[in-house]
Amino acid sequence: MNSYVNMGVGALLGTVFVLMSVSIASEGIFHSEAPEKEGFAIVAEETATEAGGAGAEEAQSEPIAALLAKADASAGEAVFKKCASCHTIEKGGANKVGPNLWGVINRPVASHEGFSYSAGMQTFAEGGKVVWDYDHLSFFLEAPKKHVPGTAMGFAGLKKGDERANLIAWLREQADSPAPLPDPAAAGDSGSSEAKPAEGQTAQEGQAPAPAPAN
């Protein structure tokens, strides 16, 4: 075997040795343990039904009739400051972004003279059949977009029942003849102050953000 053959064999063995060394070193450096659990576990959000009746009961609020029985109307005047940028309250007051709210309790929805209501609110009003009674007001003030889906009101709502009741109690007094307060004993057993909109009462309201109802 001549020197050229010896050199070729040596070079080949050297190359094989280098490749094996690199492979072994890479395995040691980049080796990762297999995960105990493959992939990702996707947990579906628990629905209200799965959560059970207890969770549903917690989500319900105290009836507005019961809240009004212990409401503080003077405190409601302070709450109305959140509405004042878009509504006036004095008798004969001008319409702003929203309509004037004098005598709003039990007033037919979308009925204030001189105010241009959206087609959505007019549909919600059902031709004057729907009025801003205590239940509708409470539900609307708590979640405007839920009570009138598609409303342009950016106001998130008054989530605290006592705050809503204070405001409604004060709005009630802003009228020639304040409407009678509801009977707490007649609130029913549902435990909810929310007058759910009947089928066909969903609409879009194109009024600007303000917590008081654009009626």
C-alpha atoms as a PDB file:
ATOM      1  CA  MET A   1       0.000   0.000   0.000  1.00  0.00           C
ATOM      2  CA  ASN A   2       1.614   3.222  -1.116  1.00  0.00           C
ATOM      3  CA  SER A   3       1.652   6.516   0.748  1.00  0.00           C
ATOM      4  CA  TYR A   4      -1.193   8.035  -1.312  1.00  0.00           C
ATOM      5  CA  VAL A   5      -3.570   5.247  -0.320  1.00  0.00           C
ATOM      6  CA  ASN A   6      -2.551   5.574   3.309  1.00  0.00           C
ATOM      7  CA  MET A   7      -3.232   9.310   3.183  1.00  0.00           C
ATOM      8  CA  GLY A   8      -6.673   8.766   1.597  1.00  0.00           C
ATOM      9  CA  VAL A   9      -7.702   6.203   4.192  1.00  0.00           C
ATOM     10  CA  GLY A  10      -6.457   8.432   6.990  1.00  0.00           C
ATOM     11  CA  ALA A  11      -8.380  11.399   5.655  1.00  0.00           C
ATOM     12  CA  LEU A  12     -11.554   9.313   5.377  1.00  0.00           C
ATOM     13  CA  LEU A  13     -11.235   7.980   8.910  1.00  0.00           C
ATOM     14  CA  GLY A  14     -10.494  11.480  10.176  1.00  0.00           C
ATOM     15  CA  THR A  15     -13.611  12.825   8.491  1.00  0.00           C
ATOM     16  CA  VAL A  16     -15.755  10.056   9.947  1.00  0.00           C
ATOM     17  CA  PHE A  17     -14.333  10.733  13.412  1.00  0.00           C
ATOM     18  CA  VAL A  18     -15.048  14.454  13.156  1.00  0.00           C
ATOM     19  CA  LEU A  19     -18.651  13.858  12.016  1.00  0.00           C
ATOM     20  CA  MET A  20     -19.255  11.400  14.845  1.00  0.00           C
ATOM     21  CA  SER A  21     -17.815  13.838  17.370  1.00  0.00           C
ATOM     22  CA  VAL A  22     -19.990  16.663  16.127  1.00  0.00           C
ATOM     23  CA  SER A  23     -23.081  14.448  16.241  1.00  0.00           C
ATOM     24  CA  ILE A  24     -22.403  13.340  19.800  1.00  0.00           C
ATOM     25  CA  ALA A  25     -21.681  16.884  20.953  1.00  0.00           C
ATOM     26  CA  SER A  26     -24.859  18.238  19.322  1.00  0.00           C
ATOM     27  CA  GLU A  27     -26.965  15.587  20.993  1.00  0.00           C
ATOM     28  CA  GLY A  28     -25.600  16.566  24.379  1.00  0.00           C
ATOM     29  CA  ILE A  29     -26.046  20.298  23.849  1.00  0.00           C
ATOM     30  CA  PHE A  30     -29.473  20.371  22.224  1.00  0.00           C
ATOM     31  CA  HIS A  31     -31.079  17.376  23.881  1.00  0.00           C
ATOM     32  CA  SER A  32     -34.520  18.142  25.409  1.00  0.00           C
ATOM     33  CA  GLU A  33     -36.649  15.986  27.628  1.00  0.00           C
ATOM     34  CA  ALA A  34     -39.913  14.716  26.207  1.00  0.00           C
ATOM     35  CA  PRO A  35     -42.885  16.596  27.713  1.00  0.00           C
ATOM     36  CA  GLU A  36     -44.899  14.756  30.301  1.00  0.00           C
ATOM     37  CA  LYS A  37     -48.070  15.607  28.391  1.00  0.00           C
ATOM     38  CA  GLU A  38     -47.982  16.074  24.648  1.00  0.00           C
ATOM     39  CA  GLY A  39     -49.648  19.073  23.031  1.00  0.00           C
ATOM     40  CA  PHE A  40     -51.800  21.679  24.752  1.00  0.00           C
ATOM     41  CA  ALA A  41     -54.884  20.955  26.794  1.00  0.00           C
ATOM     42  CA  ILE A  42     -57.751  23.213  25.681  1.00  0.00           C
ATOM     43  CA  VAL A  43     -60.294  23.717  28.431  1.00  0.00           C
ATOM     44  CA  ALA A  44     -63.693  24.973  27.302  1.00  0.00           C
ATOM     45  CA  GLU A  45     -65.161  27.797  29.335  1.00  0.00           C
ATOM     46  CA  GLU A  46     -67.760  26.558  31.772  1.00  0.00           C
ATOM     47  CA  THR A  47     -71.231  27.557  30.718  1.00  0.00           C
ATOM     48  CA  ALA A  48     -73.902  28.878  33.011  1.00  0.00           C
ATOM     49  CA  THR A  49     -75.690  25.532  32.802  1.00  0.00           C
ATOM     50  CA  GLU A  50     -72.557  23.626  33.782  1.00  0.00           C
ATOM     51  CA  ALA A  51     -71.861  26.040  36.613  1.00  0.00           C
ATOM     52  CA  GLY A  52     -75.147  25.094  38.241  1.00  0.00           C
ATOM     53  CA  GLY A  53     -78.004  27.036  39.716  1.00  0.00           C
ATOM     54  CA  ALA A  54     -75.875  28.684  42.413  1.00  0.00           C
ATOM     55  CA  GLY A  55     -73.873  30.711  39.905  1.00  0.00           C
ATOM     56  CA  ALA A  56     -77.012  31.819  38.096  1.00  0.00           C
ATOM     57  CA  GLU A  57     -78.572  33.013  41.329  1.00  0.00           C
ATOM     58  CA  GLU A  58     -75.478  35.079  42.149  1.00  0.00           C
ATOM     59  CA  ALA A  59     -75.687  36.785  38.742  1.00  0.00           C
ATOM     60  CA  GLN A  60     -79.230  37.988  39.388  1.00  0.00           C
ATOM     61  CA  SER A  61     -79.777  41.378  40.970  1.00  0.00           C
ATOM     62  CA  GLU A  62     -82.275  42.495  43.581  1.00  0.00           C
ATOM     63  CA  PRO A  63     -85.637  43.578  42.123  1.00  0.00           C
ATOM     64  CA  ILE A  64     -85.788  47.283  41.335  1.00  0.00           C
ATOM     65  CA  ALA A  65     -89.021  47.579  43.351  1.00  0.00           C
ATOM     66  CA  ALA A  66     -87.173  46.493  46.487  1.00  0.00           C
ATOM     67  CA  LEU A  67     -84.233  48.774  45.715  1.00  0.00           C
ATOM     68  CA  LEU A  68     -86.490  51.778  45.167  1.00  0.00           C
ATOM     69  CA  ALA A  69     -88.094  51.241  48.571  1.00  0.00           C
ATOM     70  CA  LYS A  70     -84.772  52.140  50.183  1.00  0.00           C
ATOM     71  CA  ALA A  71     -83.368  54.459  47.492  1.00  0.00           C
ATOM     72  CA  ASP A  72     -81.943  57.924  48.181  1.00  0.00           C
ATOM     73  CA  ALA A  73     -83.252  60.342  45.549  1.00  0.00           C
ATOM     74  CA  SER A  74     -80.842  63.085  46.614  1.00  0.00           C
ATOM     75  CA  ALA A  75     -77.955  60.740  45.897  1.00  0.00           C
ATOM     76  CA  GLY A  76     -79.507  60.091  42.502  1.00  0.00           C
ATOM     77  CA  GLU A  77     -79.101  63.750  41.600  1.00  0.00           C
ATOM     78  CA  ALA A  78     -75.344  63.289  41.906  1.00  0.00           C
ATOM     79  CA  VAL A  79     -75.506  60.187  39.721  1.00  0.00           C
ATOM     80  CA  PHE A  80     -77.313  62.184  37.030  1.00  0.00           C
ATOM     81  CA  LYS A  81     -74.145  64.206  36.495  1.00  0.00           C
ATOM     82  CA  LYS A  82     -72.998  61.254  34.395  1.00  0.00           C
ATOM     83  CA  CYS A  83     -75.977  61.921  32.105  1.00  0.00           C
ATOM     84  CA  ALA A  84     -75.917  65.713  32.022  1.00  0.00           C
ATOM     85  CA  SER A  85     -73.512  65.995  29.105  1.00  0.00           C
ATOM     86  CA  CYS A  86     -76.123  64.456  26.795  1.00  0.00           C
ATOM     87  CA  HIS A  87     -79.483  65.137  28.505  1.00  0.00           C
ATOM     88  CA  THR A  88     -81.330  67.993  30.147  1.00  0.00           C
ATOM     89  CA  ILE A  89     -83.761  67.280  32.970  1.00  0.00           C
ATOM     90  CA  GLU A  90     -85.617  70.553  33.654  1.00  0.00           C
ATOM     91  CA  LYS A  91     -89.174  70.953  32.399  1.00  0.00           C
ATOM     92  CA  GLY A  92     -89.162  72.294  28.858  1.00  0.00           C
ATOM     93  CA  GLY A  93     -85.430  71.769  28.605  1.00  0.00           C
ATOM     94  CA  ALA A  94     -83.813  71.533  25.210  1.00  0.00           C
ATOM     95  CA  ASN A  95     -82.899  68.290  23.566  1.00  0.00           C
ATOM     96  CA  LYS A  96     -79.162  67.714  23.376  1.00  0.00           C
ATOM     97  CA  VAL A  97     -77.467  64.619  21.981  1.00  0.00           C
ATOM     98  CA  GLY A  98     -80.238  62.770  23.806  1.00  0.00           C
ATOM     99  CA  PRO A  99     -83.805  63.904  24.547  1.00  0.00           C
ATOM    100  CA  ASN A 100     -84.940  65.907  27.543  1.00  0.00           C
ATOM    101  CA  LEU A 101     -85.822  63.597  30.445  1.00  0.00           C
ATOM    102  CA  TRP A 102     -88.461  65.561  32.338  1.00  0.00           C
ATOM    103  CA  GLY A 103     -91.300  63.149  33.127  1.00  0.00           C
ATOM    104  CA  VAL A 104     -89.430  60.173  31.703  1.00  0.00           C
ATOM    105  CA  ILE A 105     -90.934  57.601  34.091  1.00  0.00           C
ATOM    106  CA  ASN A 106     -93.698  55.688  32.273  1.00  0.00           C
ATOM    107  CA  ARG A 107     -93.258  57.839  29.172  1.00  0.00           C
ATOM    108  CA  PRO A 108     -93.657  55.890  25.916  1.00  0.00           C
ATOM    109  CA  VAL A 109     -90.297  55.062  24.396  1.00  0.00           C
ATOM    110  CA  ALA A 110     -89.207  57.283  21.490  1.00  0.00           C
ATOM    111  CA  SER A 111     -92.005  59.777  22.092  1.00  0.00           C
ATOM    112  CA  HIS A 112     -90.388  63.044  23.201  1.00  0.00           C
ATOM    113  CA  GLU A 113     -91.517  65.843  20.928  1.00  0.00           C
ATOM    114  CA  GLY A 114     -88.882  67.421  18.730  1.00  0.00           C
ATOM    115  CA  PHE A 115     -86.298  64.681  19.100  1.00  0.00           C
ATOM    116  CA  SER A 116     -85.291  62.639  16.061  1.00  0.00           C
ATOM    117  CA  TYR A 117     -85.083  58.999  17.117  1.00  0.00           C
ATOM    118  CA  SER A 118     -83.270  56.296  15.263  1.00  0.00           C
ATOM    119  CA  ALA A 119     -85.269  53.699  13.352  1.00  0.00           C
ATOM    120  CA  GLY A 120     -83.971  51.133  15.809  1.00  0.00           C
ATOM    121  CA  MET A 121     -85.388  52.890  18.876  1.00  0.00           C
ATOM    122  CA  GLN A 122     -88.676  53.447  17.105  1.00  0.00           C
ATOM    123  CA  THR A 123     -88.849  49.737  16.395  1.00  0.00           C
ATOM    124  CA  PHE A 124     -88.040  49.002  20.034  1.00  0.00           C
ATOM    125  CA  ALA A 125     -90.901  51.297  21.087  1.00  0.00           C
ATOM    126  CA  GLU A 126     -93.421  49.194  19.158  1.00  0.00           C
ATOM    127  CA  GLY A 127     -95.453  52.237  18.212  1.00  0.00           C
ATOM    128  CA  GLY A 128     -95.699  53.545  21.759  1.00  0.00           C
ATOM    129  CA  LYS A 129     -96.642  50.236  23.398  1.00  0.00           C
ATOM    130  CA  VAL A 130     -93.355  50.047  25.323  1.00  0.00           C
ATOM    131  CA  VAL A 131     -92.866  52.598  28.094  1.00  0.00           C
ATOM    132  CA  TRP A 132     -89.934  53.490  30.322  1.00  0.00           C
ATOM    133  CA  ASP A 133     -91.323  51.791  33.400  1.00  0.00           C
ATOM    134  CA  TYR A 134     -89.129  51.045  36.401  1.00  0.00           C
ATOM    135  CA  ASP A 135     -88.085  47.619  35.157  1.00  0.00           C
ATOM    136  CA  HIS A 136     -87.128  48.797  31.673  1.00  0.00           C
ATOM    137  CA  LEU A 137     -85.225  51.763  33.094  1.00  0.00           C
ATOM    138  CA  SER A 138     -83.297  49.601  35.531  1.00  0.00           C
ATOM    139  CA  PHE A 139     -82.346  47.072  32.896  1.00  0.00           C
ATOM    140  CA  PHE A 140     -81.385  49.741  30.373  1.00  0.00           C
ATOM    141  CA  LEU A 141     -79.279  51.680  32.858  1.00  0.00           C
ATOM    142  CA  GLU A 142     -77.514  48.505  33.926  1.00  0.00           C
ATOM    143  CA  ALA A 143     -76.611  47.379  30.399  1.00  0.00           C
ATOM    144  CA  PRO A 144     -77.737  49.671  27.557  1.00  0.00           C
ATOM    145  CA  LYS A 145     -76.306  47.528  24.774  1.00  0.00           C
ATOM    146  CA  LYS A 146     -77.947  44.418  26.182  1.00  0.00           C
ATOM    147  CA  HIS A 147     -81.370  46.019  26.549  1.00  0.00           C
ATOM    148  CA  VAL A 148     -81.201  47.628  23.098  1.00  0.00           C
ATOM    149  CA  PRO A 149     -78.659  45.591  21.084  1.00  0.00           C
ATOM    150  CA  GLY A 150     -76.706  47.684  18.630  1.00  0.00           C
ATOM    151  CA  THR A 151     -77.144  50.941  20.523  1.00  0.00           C
ATOM    152  CA  ALA A 152     -74.463  53.529  19.810  1.00  0.00           C
ATOM    153  CA  MET A 153     -74.350  54.550  23.461  1.00  0.00           C
ATOM    154  CA  GLY A 154     -70.807  54.132  24.696  1.00  0.00           C
ATOM    155  CA  PHE A 155     -71.883  54.162  28.330  1.00  0.00           C
ATOM    156  CA  ALA A 156     -71.024  50.858  30.009  1.00  0.00           C
ATOM    157  CA  GLY A 157     -73.942  51.017  32.439  1.00  0.00           C
ATOM    158  CA  LEU A 158     -74.574  51.377  36.149  1.00  0.00           C
ATOM    159  CA  LYS A 159     -73.771  47.936  37.511  1.00  0.00           C
ATOM    160  CA  LYS A 160     -74.606  48.720  41.150  1.00  0.00           C
ATOM    161  CA  GLY A 161     -78.288  48.244  41.871  1.00  0.00           C
ATOM    162  CA  ASP A 162     -78.440  50.877  44.589  1.00  0.00           C
ATOM    163  CA  GLU A 163     -76.872  53.472  42.280  1.00  0.00           C
ATOM    164  CA  ARG A 164     -79.460  52.750  39.585  1.00  0.00           C
ATOM    165  CA  ALA A 165     -82.258  52.913  42.137  1.00  0.00           C
ATOM    166  CA  ASN A 166     -81.043  56.268  43.449  1.00  0.00           C
ATOM    167  CA  LEU A 167     -80.961  57.694  39.939  1.00  0.00           C
ATOM    168  CA  ILE A 168     -84.393  56.336  39.032  1.00  0.00           C
ATOM    169  CA  ALA A 169     -85.857  57.642  42.301  1.00  0.00           C
ATOM    170  CA  TRP A 170     -84.552  61.104  41.460  1.00  0.00           C
ATOM    171  CA  LEU A 171     -85.757  60.925  37.845  1.00  0.00           C
ATOM    172  CA  ARG A 172     -89.190  60.002  39.197  1.00  0.00           C
ATOM    173  CA  GLU A 173     -89.354  63.286  41.092  1.00  0.00           C
ATOM    174  CA  GLN A 174     -88.623  65.289  37.935  1.00  0.00           C
ATOM    175  CA  ALA A 175     -92.231  65.308  36.737  1.00  0.00           C
ATOM    176  CA  ASP A 176     -95.484  67.212  37.180  1.00  0.00           C
ATOM    177  CA  SER A 177     -97.011  64.162  38.857  1.00  0.00           C
ATOM    178  CA  PRO A 178     -94.392  61.617  40.000  1.00  0.00           C
ATOM    179  CA  ALA A 179     -95.379  58.072  39.128  1.00  0.00           C
ATOM    180  CA  PRO A 180     -96.312  55.772  42.037  1.00  0.00           C
ATOM    181  CA  LEU A 181     -93.478  53.653  43.333  1.00  0.00           C
ATOM    182  CA  PRO A 182     -93.788  49.928  42.620  1.00  0.00           C
ATOM    183  CA  ASP A 183     -94.868  47.591  45.387  1.00  0.00           C
ATOM    184  CA  PRO A 184     -91.810  45.643  46.640  1.00  0.00           C
ATOM    185  CA  ALA A 185     -94.090  42.753  47.614  1.00  0.00           C
ATOM    186  CA  ALA A 186     -95.222  42.432  43.996  1.00  0.00           C
ATOM    187  CA  ALA A 187     -91.698  42.105  42.642  1.00  0.00           C
ATOM    188  CA  GLY A 188     -92.140  38.398  42.038  1.00  0.00           C
ATOM    189  CA  ASP A 189     -89.937  35.464  42.917  1.00  0.00           C
ATOM    190  CA  SER A 190     -87.464  35.743  40.056  1.00  0.00           C
ATOM    191  CA  GLY A 191     -85.067  37.925  42.018  1.00  0.00           C
ATOM    192  CA  SER A 192     -84.313  40.018  38.971  1.00  0.00           C
ATOM    193  CA  SER A 193     -84.984  43.703  38.422  1.00  0.00           C
ATOM    194  CA  GLU A 194     -84.610  43.336  34.706  1.00  0.00           C
ATOM    195  CA  ALA A 195     -87.579  43.534  32.391  1.00  0.00           C
ATOM    196  CA  LYS A 196     -86.218  41.435  29.578  1.00  0.00           C
ATOM    197  CA  PRO A 197     -87.088  42.879  26.176  1.00  0.00           C
ATOM    198  CA  ALA A 198     -89.776  40.831  24.515  1.00  0.00           C
ATOM    199  CA  GLU A 199     -89.110  39.125  21.223  1.00  0.00           C
ATOM    200  CA  GLY A 200     -89.007  41.744  18.511  1.00  0.00           C
ATOM    201  CA  GLN A 201     -87.857  44.475  20.870  1.00  0.00           C
ATOM    202  CA  THR A 202     -84.190  44.298  19.866  1.00  0.00           C
ATOM    203  CA  ALA A 203     -83.028  47.360  17.979  1.00  0.00           C
ATOM    204  CA  GLN A 204     -80.235  49.735  17.173  1.00  0.00           C
ATOM    205  CA  GLU A 205     -80.161  53.086  18.886  1.00  0.00           C
ATOM    206  CA  GLY A 206     -78.113  55.748  17.218  1.00  0.00           C
ATOM    207  CA  GLN A 207     -77.873  58.137  20.158  1.00  0.00           C
ATOM    208  CA  ALA A 208     -74.668  59.368  21.751  1.00  0.00           C
ATOM    209  CA  PRO A 209     -73.274  57.953  25.017  1.00  0.00           C
ATOM    210  CA  ALA A 210     -75.137  58.857  28.178  1.00  0.00           C
ATOM    211  CA  PRO A 211     -76.481  56.632  30.905  1.00  0.00           C
ATOM    212  CA  ALA A 212     -80.030  57.916  30.916  1.00  0.00           C
ATOM    213  CA  PRO A 213     -82.530  56.405  28.462  1.00  0.00           C
ATOM    214  CA  ALA A 214     -82.916  57.950  25.022  1.00  0.00           C
ATOM    215  CA  ASN A 215     -86.675  57.738  25.020  1.00  0.00           C
END
